[in-house]
PDB file of N, CA and C in Angstrom:
ATOM      1  N   VAL A   1     114.317 105.678 100.091  1.00  0.00           N
ATOM      2  CA  VAL A   1     114.833 106.108 101.383  1.00  0.00           C
ATOM      3  C   VAL A   1     113.717 106.881 102.068  1.00  0.00           C
ATOM      4  N   ASN A   2     113.541 106.654 103.324  1.00  0.00           N
ATOM      5  CA  ASN A   2     112.460 107.359 104.011  1.00  0.00           C
ATOM      6  C   ASN A   2     112.844 108.818 104.256  1.00  0.00           C
ATOM      7  N   PRO A   3     111.911 109.651 104.663  1.00  0.00           N
ATOM      8  CA  PRO A   3     112.175 111.094 104.743  1.00  0.00           C
ATOM      9  C   PRO A   3     113.280 111.513 105.705  1.00  0.00           C
ATOM     10  N   THR A   4     113.697 110.663 106.634  1.00  0.00           N
ATOM     11  CA  THR A   4     114.749 111.075 107.560  1.00  0.00           C
ATOM     12  C   THR A   4     116.124 111.027 106.912  1.00  0.00           C
ATOM     13  N   THR A   5     116.235 110.413 105.761  1.00  0.00           N
ATOM     14  CA  THR A   5     117.487 110.216 105.020  1.00  0.00           C
ATOM     15  C   THR A   5     118.526 109.429 105.794  1.00  0.00           C
ATOM     16  N   GLU A   6     118.134 108.762 106.842  1.00  0.00           N
ATOM     17  CA  GLU A   6     119.082 107.965 107.625  1.00  0.00           C
ATOM     18  C   GLU A   6     118.766 106.482 107.598  1.00  0.00           C
ATOM     19  N   LEU A   7     117.612 106.097 107.083  1.00  0.00           N
ATOM     20  CA  LEU A   7     117.194 104.710 107.128  1.00  0.00           C
ATOM     21  C   LEU A   7     116.761 104.222 105.754  1.00  0.00           C
ATOM     22  N   LEU A   8     117.075 102.957 105.473  1.00  0.00           N
ATOM     23  CA  LEU A   8     116.501 102.261 104.332  1.00  0.00           C
ATOM     24  C   LEU A   8     115.370 101.422 104.910  1.00  0.00           C
ATOM     25  N   ASP A   9     114.150 101.725 104.559  1.00  0.00           N
ATOM     26  CA  ASP A   9     113.008 101.004 105.102  1.00  0.00           C
ATOM     27  C   ASP A   9     112.226 100.405 103.946  1.00  0.00           C
ATOM     28  N   PHE A  10     112.151  99.074 103.910  1.00  0.00           N
ATOM     29  CA  PHE A  10     111.431  98.400 102.843  1.00  0.00           C
ATOM     30  C   PHE A  10     109.992  98.090 103.239  1.00  0.00           C
ATOM     31  N   GLY A  11     109.629  98.371 104.488  1.00  0.00           N
ATOM     32  CA  GLY A  11     108.255  98.157 104.933  1.00  0.00           C
ATOM     33  C   GLY A  11     107.888  96.684 104.973  1.00  0.00           C
ATOM     34  N   ASP A  12     106.596  96.425 105.040  1.00  0.00           N
ATOM     35  CA  ASP A  12     106.093  95.049 105.022  1.00  0.00           C
ATOM     36  C   ASP A  12     106.044  94.573 103.583  1.00  0.00           C
ATOM     37  N   MET A  13     106.678  93.448 103.333  1.00  0.00           N
ATOM     38  CA  MET A  13     106.721  92.903 101.980  1.00  0.00           C
ATOM     39  C   MET A  13     106.040  91.550 101.956  1.00  0.00           C
ATOM     40  N   SER A  14     105.348  91.256 100.874  1.00  0.00           N
ATOM     41  CA  SER A  14     104.706  89.959 100.686  1.00  0.00           C
ATOM     42  C   SER A  14     105.718  88.960 100.150  1.00  0.00           C
ATOM     43  N   LYS A  15     105.401  87.676 100.285  1.00  0.00           N
ATOM     44  CA  LYS A  15     106.258  86.610  99.750  1.00  0.00           C
ATOM     45  C   LYS A  15     106.475  86.811  98.256  1.00  0.00           C
ATOM     46  N   GLY A  16     107.708  86.593  97.816  1.00  0.00           N
ATOM     47  CA  GLY A  16     108.029  86.633  96.395  1.00  0.00           C
ATOM     48  C   GLY A  16     108.041  88.018  95.759  1.00  0.00           C
ATOM     49  N   THR A  17     108.072  89.078  96.560  1.00  0.00           N
ATOM     50  CA  THR A  17     108.087  90.432  95.997  1.00  0.00           C
ATOM     51  C   THR A  17     109.460  91.075  96.154  1.00  0.00           C
ATOM     52  N   THR A  18     109.662  92.171  95.434  1.00  0.00           N
ATOM     53  CA  THR A  18     110.897  92.939  95.493  1.00  0.00           C
ATOM     54  C   THR A  18     110.555  94.412  95.683  1.00  0.00           C
ATOM     55  N   ALA A  19     111.325  95.086  96.530  1.00  0.00           N
ATOM     56  CA  ALA A  19     111.183  96.533  96.727  1.00  0.00           C
ATOM     57  C   ALA A  19     112.547  97.171  96.510  1.00  0.00           C
ATOM     58  N   VAL A  20     112.567  98.342  95.876  1.00  0.00           N
ATOM     59  CA  VAL A  20     113.820  99.015  95.551  1.00  0.00           C
ATOM     60  C   VAL A  20     113.839 100.400  96.193  1.00  0.00           C
ATOM     61  N   ARG A  21     114.965 100.732  96.803  1.00  0.00           N
ATOM     62  CA  ARG A  21     115.206 102.066  97.345  1.00  0.00           C
ATOM     63  C   ARG A  21     116.490 102.576  96.695  1.00  0.00           C
ATOM     64  N   THR A  22     116.510 103.862  96.340  1.00  0.00           N
ATOM     65  CA  THR A  22     117.665 104.457  95.669  1.00  0.00           C
ATOM     66  C   THR A  22     118.346 105.452  96.600  1.00  0.00           C
ATOM     67  N   VAL A  23     119.677 105.380  96.630  1.00  0.00           N
ATOM     68  CA  VAL A  23     120.489 106.299  97.433  1.00  0.00           C
ATOM     69  C   VAL A  23     121.448 107.016  96.494  1.00  0.00           C
ATOM     70  N   THR A  24     121.574 108.329  96.660  1.00  0.00           N
ATOM     71  CA  THR A  24     122.522 109.121  95.877  1.00  0.00           C
ATOM     72  C   THR A  24     123.760 109.377  96.719  1.00  0.00           C
ATOM     73  N   ILE A  25     124.925 109.046  96.156  1.00  0.00           N
ATOM     74  CA  ILE A  25     126.200 109.289  96.830  1.00  0.00           C
ATOM     75  C   ILE A  25     126.939 110.348  96.035  1.00  0.00           C
ATOM     76  N   ASN A  26     127.331 111.422  96.711  1.00  0.00           N
ATOM     77  CA  ASN A  26     127.933 112.575  96.068  1.00  0.00           C
ATOM     78  C   ASN A  26     129.381 112.727  96.524  1.00  0.00           C
ATOM     79  N   ASN A  27     130.270 113.038  95.578  1.00  0.00           N
ATOM     80  CA  ASN A  27     131.649 113.370  95.903  1.00  0.00           C
ATOM     81  C   ASN A  27     131.884 114.820  95.488  1.00  0.00           C
ATOM     82  N   GLY A  28     131.784 115.732  96.427  1.00  0.00           N
ATOM     83  CA  GLY A  28     131.979 117.142  96.143  1.00  0.00           C
ATOM     84  C   GLY A  28     133.406 117.604  96.316  1.00  0.00           C
ATOM     85  N   THR A  29     134.334 116.678  96.461  1.00  0.00           N
ATOM     86  CA  THR A  29     135.733 117.035  96.694  1.00  0.00           C
ATOM     87  C   THR A  29     136.521 117.044  95.390  1.00  0.00           C
ATOM     88  N   PHE A  30     137.779 117.423  95.477  1.00  0.00           N
ATOM     89  CA  PHE A  30     138.662 117.476  94.316  1.00  0.00           C
ATOM     90  C   PHE A  30     139.405 116.167  94.085  1.00  0.00           C
ATOM     91  N   MET A  31     139.224 115.187  94.981  1.00  0.00           N
ATOM     92  CA  MET A  31     139.944 113.918  94.831  1.00  0.00           C
ATOM     93  C   MET A  31     138.963 112.750  94.732  1.00  0.00           C
ATOM     94  N   PRO A  32     139.387 111.676  94.070  1.00  0.00           N
ATOM     95  CA  PRO A  32     138.528 110.493  93.992  1.00  0.00           C
ATOM     96  C   PRO A  32     138.273 109.922  95.391  1.00  0.00           C
ATOM     97  N   MET A  33     137.116 109.280  95.529  1.00  0.00           N
ATOM     98  CA  MET A  33     136.757 108.611  96.776  1.00  0.00           C
ATOM     99  C   MET A  33     136.552 107.134  96.482  1.00  0.00           C
ATOM    100  N   TYR A  34     136.958 106.303  97.411  1.00  0.00           N
ATOM    101  CA  TYR A  34     136.641 104.884  97.357  1.00  0.00           C
ATOM    102  C   TYR A  34     135.384 104.703  98.199  1.00  0.00           C
ATOM    103  N   VAL A  35     134.349 104.101  97.628  1.00  0.00           N
ATOM    104  CA  VAL A  35     133.081 103.912  98.324  1.00  0.00           C
ATOM    105  C   VAL A  35     132.893 102.426  98.603  1.00  0.00           C
ATOM    106  N   LEU A  36     132.568 102.124  99.849  1.00  0.00           N
ATOM    107  CA  LEU A  36     132.331 100.751 100.275  1.00  0.00           C
ATOM    108  C   LEU A  36     130.943 100.673 100.893  1.00  0.00           C
ATOM    109  N   VAL A  37     130.116  99.765 100.374  1.00  0.00           N
ATOM    110  CA  VAL A  37     128.778  99.525 100.917  1.00  0.00           C
ATOM    111  C   VAL A  37     128.833  98.194 101.651  1.00  0.00           C
ATOM    112  N   TRP A  38     128.586  98.242 102.949  1.00  0.00           N
ATOM    113  CA  TRP A  38     128.714  97.054 103.794  1.00  0.00           C
ATOM    114  C   TRP A  38     127.358  96.723 104.393  1.00  0.00           C
ATOM    115  N   LYS A  39     126.856  95.502 104.088  1.00  0.00           N
ATOM    116  CA  LYS A  39     125.576  95.038 104.606  1.00  0.00           C
ATOM    117  C   LYS A  39     125.832  94.022 105.718  1.00  0.00           C
ATOM    118  N   MET A  40     124.992  94.071 106.753  1.00  0.00           N
ATOM    119  CA  MET A  40     125.131  93.082 107.818  1.00  0.00           C
ATOM    120  C   MET A  40     123.750  92.767 108.393  1.00  0.00           C
ATOM    121  N   GLY A  41     123.657  91.648 109.069  1.00  0.00           N
ATOM    122  CA  GLY A  41     122.391  91.223 109.657  1.00  0.00           C
ATOM    123  C   GLY A  41     121.600  90.339 108.709  1.00  0.00           C
ATOM    124  N   GLY A  42     120.399  89.957 109.142  1.00  0.00           N
ATOM    125  CA  GLY A  42     119.549  89.060 108.361  1.00  0.00           C
ATOM    126  C   GLY A  42     119.142  89.619 107.017  1.00  0.00           C
ATOM    127  N   LEU A  43     119.146  90.919 106.900  1.00  0.00           N
ATOM    128  CA  LEU A  43     118.776  91.583 105.658  1.00  0.00           C
ATOM    129  C   LEU A  43     119.839  91.438 104.572  1.00  0.00           C
ATOM    130  N   SER A  44     121.081  91.202 104.966  1.00  0.00           N
ATOM    131  CA  SER A  44     122.193  91.248 104.009  1.00  0.00           C
ATOM    132  C   SER A  44     122.071  90.238 102.870  1.00  0.00           C
ATOM    133  N   ASP A  45     121.494  89.064 103.126  1.00  0.00           N
ATOM    134  CA  ASP A  45     121.346  88.075 102.062  1.00  0.00           C
ATOM    135  C   ASP A  45     120.181  88.384 101.134  1.00  0.00           C
ATOM    136  N   LEU A  46     119.289  89.272 101.550  1.00  0.00           N
ATOM    137  CA  LEU A  46     118.099  89.578 100.766  1.00  0.00           C
ATOM    138  C   LEU A  46     118.236  90.829  99.907  1.00  0.00           C
ATOM    139  N   VAL A  47     119.287  91.628 100.129  1.00  0.00           N
ATOM    140  CA  VAL A  47     119.428  92.911  99.446  1.00  0.00           C
ATOM    141  C   VAL A  47     120.598  92.869  98.466  1.00  0.00           C
ATOM    142  N   ASP A  48     120.316  93.268  97.219  1.00  0.00           N
ATOM    143  CA  ASP A  48     121.351  93.424  96.201  1.00  0.00           C
ATOM    144  C   ASP A  48     121.597  94.909  95.987  1.00  0.00           C
ATOM    145  N   VAL A  49     122.866  95.267  95.816  1.00  0.00           N
ATOM    146  CA  VAL A  49     123.257  96.665  95.616  1.00  0.00           C
ATOM    147  C   VAL A  49     123.801  96.801  94.200  1.00  0.00           C
ATOM    148  N   THR A  50     123.191  97.713  93.407  1.00  0.00           N
ATOM    149  CA  THR A  50     123.644  97.905  92.026  1.00  0.00           C
ATOM    150  C   THR A  50     123.744  99.387  91.697  1.00  0.00           C
ATOM    151  N   ASP A  51     124.659  99.692  90.792  1.00  0.00           N
ATOM    152  CA  ASP A  51     124.797 101.041  90.250  1.00  0.00           C
ATOM    153  C   ASP A  51     123.627 101.260  89.291  1.00  0.00           C
ATOM    154  N   LYS A  52     122.844 102.272  89.544  1.00  0.00           N
ATOM    155  CA  LYS A  52     121.635 102.522  88.747  1.00  0.00           C
ATOM    156  C   LYS A  52     121.967 102.782  87.276  1.00  0.00           C
ATOM    157  N   ALA A  53     123.059 103.457  86.996  1.00  0.00           N
ATOM    158  CA  ALA A  53     123.417 103.814  85.621  1.00  0.00           C
ATOM    159  C   ALA A  53     123.933 102.622  84.821  1.00  0.00           C
ATOM    160  N   THR A  54     124.723 101.757  85.459  1.00  0.00           N
ATOM    161  CA  THR A  54     125.352 100.660  84.719  1.00  0.00           C
ATOM    162  C   THR A  54     124.684  99.313  84.934  1.00  0.00           C
ATOM    163  N   GLY A  55     123.935  99.173  86.030  1.00  0.00           N
ATOM    164  CA  GLY A  55     123.314  97.889  86.341  1.00  0.00           C
ATOM    165  C   GLY A  55     124.278  96.890  86.947  1.00  0.00           C
ATOM    166  N   ARG A  56     125.515  97.321  87.227  1.00  0.00           N
ATOM    167  CA  ARG A  56     126.529  96.430  87.816  1.00  0.00           C
ATOM    168  C   ARG A  56     126.477  96.503  89.328  1.00  0.00           C
ATOM    169  N   GLY A  57     127.041  95.495  89.964  1.00  0.00           N
ATOM    170  CA  GLY A  57     127.140  95.484  91.414  1.00  0.00           C
ATOM    171  C   GLY A  57     127.869  96.719  91.919  1.00  0.00           C
ATOM    172  N   ALA A  58     127.459  97.213  93.093  1.00  0.00           N
ATOM    173  CA  ALA A  58     128.031  98.464  93.592  1.00  0.00           C
ATOM    174  C   ALA A  58     128.397  98.357  95.063  1.00  0.00           C
ATOM    175  N   SER A  59     128.966  97.236  95.475  1.00  0.00           N
ATOM    176  CA  SER A  59     129.340  97.120  96.883  1.00  0.00           C
ATOM    177  C   SER A  59     130.683  97.778  97.171  1.00  0.00           C
ATOM    178  N   ALA A  60     131.485  98.007  96.142  1.00  0.00           N
ATOM    179  CA  ALA A  60     132.758  98.732  96.287  1.00  0.00           C
ATOM    180  C   ALA A  60     133.099  99.347  94.933  1.00  0.00           C
ATOM    181  N   PHE A  61     133.388 100.651  94.940  1.00  0.00           N
ATOM    182  CA  PHE A  61     133.703 101.321  93.681  1.00  0.00           C
ATOM    183  C   PHE A  61     134.419 102.632  93.961  1.00  0.00           C
ATOM    184  N   LYS A  62     135.002 103.191  92.896  1.00  0.00           N
ATOM    185  CA  LYS A  62     135.692 104.471  92.979  1.00  0.00           C
ATOM    186  C   LYS A  62     134.777 105.551  92.415  1.00  0.00           C
ATOM    187  N   LEU A  63     134.647 106.663  93.134  1.00  0.00           N
ATOM    188  CA  LEU A  63     133.789 107.771  92.720  1.00  0.00           C
ATOM    189  C   LEU A  63     134.683 108.952  92.356  1.00  0.00           C
ATOM    190  N   LYS A  64     134.591 109.386  91.107  1.00  0.00           N
ATOM    191  CA  LYS A  64     135.427 110.480  90.616  1.00  0.00           C
ATOM    192  C   LYS A  64     135.092 111.784  91.329  1.00  0.00           C
ATOM    193  N   PRO A  65     136.034 112.738  91.317  1.00  0.00           N
ATOM    194  CA  PRO A  65     135.782 114.044  91.937  1.00  0.00           C
ATOM    195  C   PRO A  65     134.596 114.759  91.291  1.00  0.00           C
ATOM    196  N   LYS A  66     133.872 115.512  92.104  1.00  0.00           N
ATOM    197  CA  LYS A  66     132.771 116.361  91.639  1.00  0.00           C
ATOM    198  C   LYS A  66     131.706 115.579  90.861  1.00  0.00           C
ATOM    199  N   THR A  67     131.446 114.349  91.258  1.00  0.00           N
ATOM    200  CA  THR A  67     130.426 113.533  90.604  1.00  0.00           C
ATOM    201  C   THR A  67     129.512 112.911  91.655  1.00  0.00           C
ATOM    202  N   GLU A  68     128.438 112.327  91.177  1.00  0.00           N
ATOM    203  CA  GLU A  68     127.560 111.582  92.066  1.00  0.00           C
ATOM    204  C   GLU A  68     127.104 110.319  91.352  1.00  0.00           C
ATOM    205  N   VAL A  69     126.676 109.365  92.133  1.00  0.00           N
ATOM    206  CA  VAL A  69     126.179 108.103  91.593  1.00  0.00           C
ATOM    207  C   VAL A  69     124.922 107.726  92.368  1.00  0.00           C
ATOM    208  N   LYS A  70     123.991 107.109  91.682  1.00  0.00           N
ATOM    209  CA  LYS A  70     122.785 106.597  92.325  1.00  0.00           C
ATOM    210  C   LYS A  70     122.915 105.085  92.395  1.00  0.00           C
ATOM    211  N   ILE A  71     122.722 104.539  93.586  1.00  0.00           N
ATOM    212  CA  ILE A  71     122.773 103.090  93.730  1.00  0.00           C
ATOM    213  C   ILE A  71     121.421 102.599  94.240  1.00  0.00           C
ATOM    214  N   ASP A  72     121.012 101.455  93.693  1.00  0.00           N
ATOM    215  CA  ASP A  72     119.745 100.845  94.071  1.00  0.00           C
ATOM    216  C   ASP A  72     119.989  99.735  95.089  1.00  0.00           C
ATOM    217  N   PHE A  73     119.151  99.715  96.088  1.00  0.00           N
ATOM    218  CA  PHE A  73     119.112  98.636  97.066  1.00  0.00           C
ATOM    219  C   PHE A  73     117.815  97.882  96.810  1.00  0.00           C
ATOM    220  N   ALA A  74     117.909  96.672  96.273  1.00  0.00           N
ATOM    221  CA  ALA A  74     116.733  95.873  95.931  1.00  0.00           C
ATOM    222  C   ALA A  74     116.594  94.736  96.930  1.00  0.00           C
ATOM    223  N   ALA A  75     115.517  94.769  97.714  1.00  0.00           N
ATOM    224  CA  ALA A  75     115.234  93.709  98.688  1.00  0.00           C
ATOM    225  C   ALA A  75     114.249  92.740  98.060  1.00  0.00           C
ATOM    226  N   SER A  76     114.614  91.464  98.022  1.00  0.00           N
ATOM    227  CA  SER A  76     113.752  90.428  97.452  1.00  0.00           C
ATOM    228  C   SER A  76     113.321  89.478  98.562  1.00  0.00           C
ATOM    229  N   MET A  77     112.026  89.407  98.791  1.00  0.00           N
ATOM    230  CA  MET A  77     111.489  88.534  99.827  1.00  0.00           C
ATOM    231  C   MET A  77     111.264  87.150  99.229  1.00  0.00           C
ATOM    232  N   PRO A  78     111.913  86.117  99.791  1.00  0.00           N
ATOM    233  CA  PRO A  78     111.757  84.771  99.241  1.00  0.00           C
ATOM    234  C   PRO A  78     110.313  84.274  99.373  1.00  0.00           C
ATOM    235  N   ALA A  79     109.898  83.439  98.431  1.00  0.00           N
ATOM    236  CA  ALA A  79     108.555  82.863  98.474  1.00  0.00           C
ATOM    237  C   ALA A  79     108.410  81.883  99.627  1.00  0.00           C
ATOM    238  N   SER A  80     109.523  81.398 100.153  1.00  0.00           N
ATOM    239  CA  SER A  80     109.488  80.389 101.217  1.00  0.00           C
ATOM    240  C   SER A  80     109.505  80.985 102.631  1.00  0.00           C
ATOM    241  N   VAL A  81     109.438  82.303 102.765  1.00  0.00           N
ATOM    242  CA  VAL A  81     109.513  82.939 104.072  1.00  0.00           C
ATOM    243  C   VAL A  81     108.263  82.615 104.901  1.00  0.00           C
ATOM    244  N   ASN A  82     108.451  82.471 106.211  1.00  0.00           N
ATOM    245  CA  ASN A  82     107.328  82.209 107.110  1.00  0.00           C
ATOM    246  C   ASN A  82     106.563  83.499 107.377  1.00  0.00           C
ATOM    247  N   PRO A  83     105.228  83.444 107.408  1.00  0.00           N
ATOM    248  CA  PRO A  83     104.438  84.652 107.694  1.00  0.00           C
ATOM    249  C   PRO A  83     104.851  85.282 109.031  1.00  0.00           C
ATOM    250  N   GLY A  84     104.997  86.594 109.047  1.00  0.00           N
ATOM    251  CA  GLY A  84     105.367  87.309 110.263  1.00  0.00           C
ATOM    252  C   GLY A  84     106.856  87.338 110.556  1.00  0.00           C
ATOM    253  N   GLU A  85     107.667  86.631 109.756  1.00  0.00           N
ATOM    254  CA  GLU A  85     109.119  86.642 109.971  1.00  0.00           C
ATOM    255  C   GLU A  85     109.653  88.031 109.661  1.00  0.00           C
ATOM    256  N   LYS A  86     110.542  88.504 110.514  1.00  0.00           N
ATOM    257  CA  LYS A  86     111.073  89.855 110.367  1.00  0.00           C
ATOM    258  C   LYS A  86     112.570  89.784 110.063  1.00  0.00           C
ATOM    259  N   PHE A  87     112.986  90.541 109.071  1.00  0.00           N
ATOM    260  CA  PHE A  87     114.396  90.608 108.699  1.00  0.00           C
ATOM    261  C   PHE A  87     114.907  92.014 109.008  1.00  0.00           C
ATOM    262  N   THR A  88     115.973  92.098 109.747  1.00  0.00           N
ATOM    263  CA  THR A  88     116.572  93.385 110.074  1.00  0.00           C
ATOM    264  C   THR A  88     118.052  93.335 109.748  1.00  0.00           C
ATOM    265  N   GLY A  89     118.669  94.468 109.738  1.00  0.00           N
ATOM    266  CA  GLY A  89     120.095  94.551 109.483  1.00  0.00           C
ATOM    267  C   GLY A  89     120.497  95.995 109.354  1.00  0.00           C
ATOM    268  N   ARG A  90     121.725  96.191 108.963  1.00  0.00           N
ATOM    269  CA  ARG A  90     122.252  97.544 108.783  1.00  0.00           C
ATOM    270  C   ARG A  90     123.042  97.598 107.490  1.00  0.00           C
ATOM    271  N   VAL A  91     123.028  98.781 106.897  1.00  0.00           N
ATOM    272  CA  VAL A  91     123.852  99.061 105.728  1.00  0.00           C
ATOM    273  C   VAL A  91     124.703 100.275 106.062  1.00  0.00           C
ATOM    274  N   PHE A  92     126.005 100.120 105.930  1.00  0.00           N
ATOM    275  CA  PHE A  92     126.936 101.221 106.154  1.00  0.00           C
ATOM    276  C   PHE A  92     127.542 101.611 104.816  1.00  0.00           C
ATOM    277  N   ILE A  93     127.612 102.908 104.550  1.00  0.00           N
ATOM    278  CA  ILE A  93     128.250 103.406 103.341  1.00  0.00           C
ATOM    279  C   ILE A  93     129.440 104.258 103.769  1.00  0.00           C
ATOM    280  N   PHE A  94     130.631 103.803 103.385  1.00  0.00           N
ATOM    281  CA  PHE A  94     131.866 104.503 103.731  1.00  0.00           C
ATOM    282  C   PHE A  94     132.397 105.210 102.494  1.00  0.00           C
ATOM    283  N   LYS A  95     132.790 106.478 102.646  1.00  0.00           N
ATOM    284  CA  LYS A  95     133.485 107.211 101.584  1.00  0.00           C
ATOM    285  C   LYS A  95     134.889 107.492 102.109  1.00  0.00           C
ATOM    286  N   ILE A  96     135.875 106.927 101.411  1.00  0.00           N
ATOM    287  CA  ILE A  96     137.266 107.019 101.845  1.00  0.00           C
ATOM    288  C   ILE A  96     138.071 107.775 100.796  1.00  0.00           C
ATOM    289  N   PRO A  97     138.709 108.908 101.171  1.00  0.00           N
ATOM    290  CA  PRO A  97     139.533 109.639 100.198  1.00  0.00           C
ATOM    291  C   PRO A  97     140.688 108.777  99.726  1.00  0.00           C
ATOM    292  N   THR A  98     140.984 108.823  98.434  1.00  0.00           N
ATOM    293  CA  THR A  98     142.080 108.010  97.898  1.00  0.00           C
ATOM    294  C   THR A  98     143.368 108.799  97.751  1.00  0.00           C
ATOM    295  N   PHE A  99     143.309 110.104  97.939  1.00  0.00           N
ATOM    296  CA  PHE A  99     144.494 110.955  97.819  1.00  0.00           C
ATOM    297  C   PHE A  99     145.193 110.745  96.481  1.00  0.00           C
ATOM    298  N   GLY A 100     144.366 110.579  95.420  1.00  0.00           N
ATOM    299  CA  GLY A 100     144.886 110.458  94.070  1.00  0.00           C
ATOM    300  C   GLY A 100     145.332 109.075  93.672  1.00  0.00           C
ATOM    301  N   LEU A 101     145.146 108.074  94.508  1.00  0.00           N
ATOM    302  CA  LEU A 101     145.560 106.701  94.149  1.00  0.00           C
ATOM    303  C   LEU A 101     144.609 106.069  93.172  1.00  0.00           C
TER     304      LEU A 101
END
């Protein structure tokens, strides 16, 4: 994550390479949170989201009270990409209180 803590920036990537950025999601409340990671745009097909601790997909999960999780965003640039092609998109992370559900 870049220093502004608001953007995932993978920079210029060469064909066939992968870059990983890690985001920490914290639940400082007394109730579980449902976390949803939503990718959109041209970047969405190139980025995989995984739980750093378990190695499992992390696009939707429950976060226990007073805990945090680190999730990796791995962008893989296909070997078949055209030089100078630019991929953009957005990633939204929603934390929704479950009210004990």
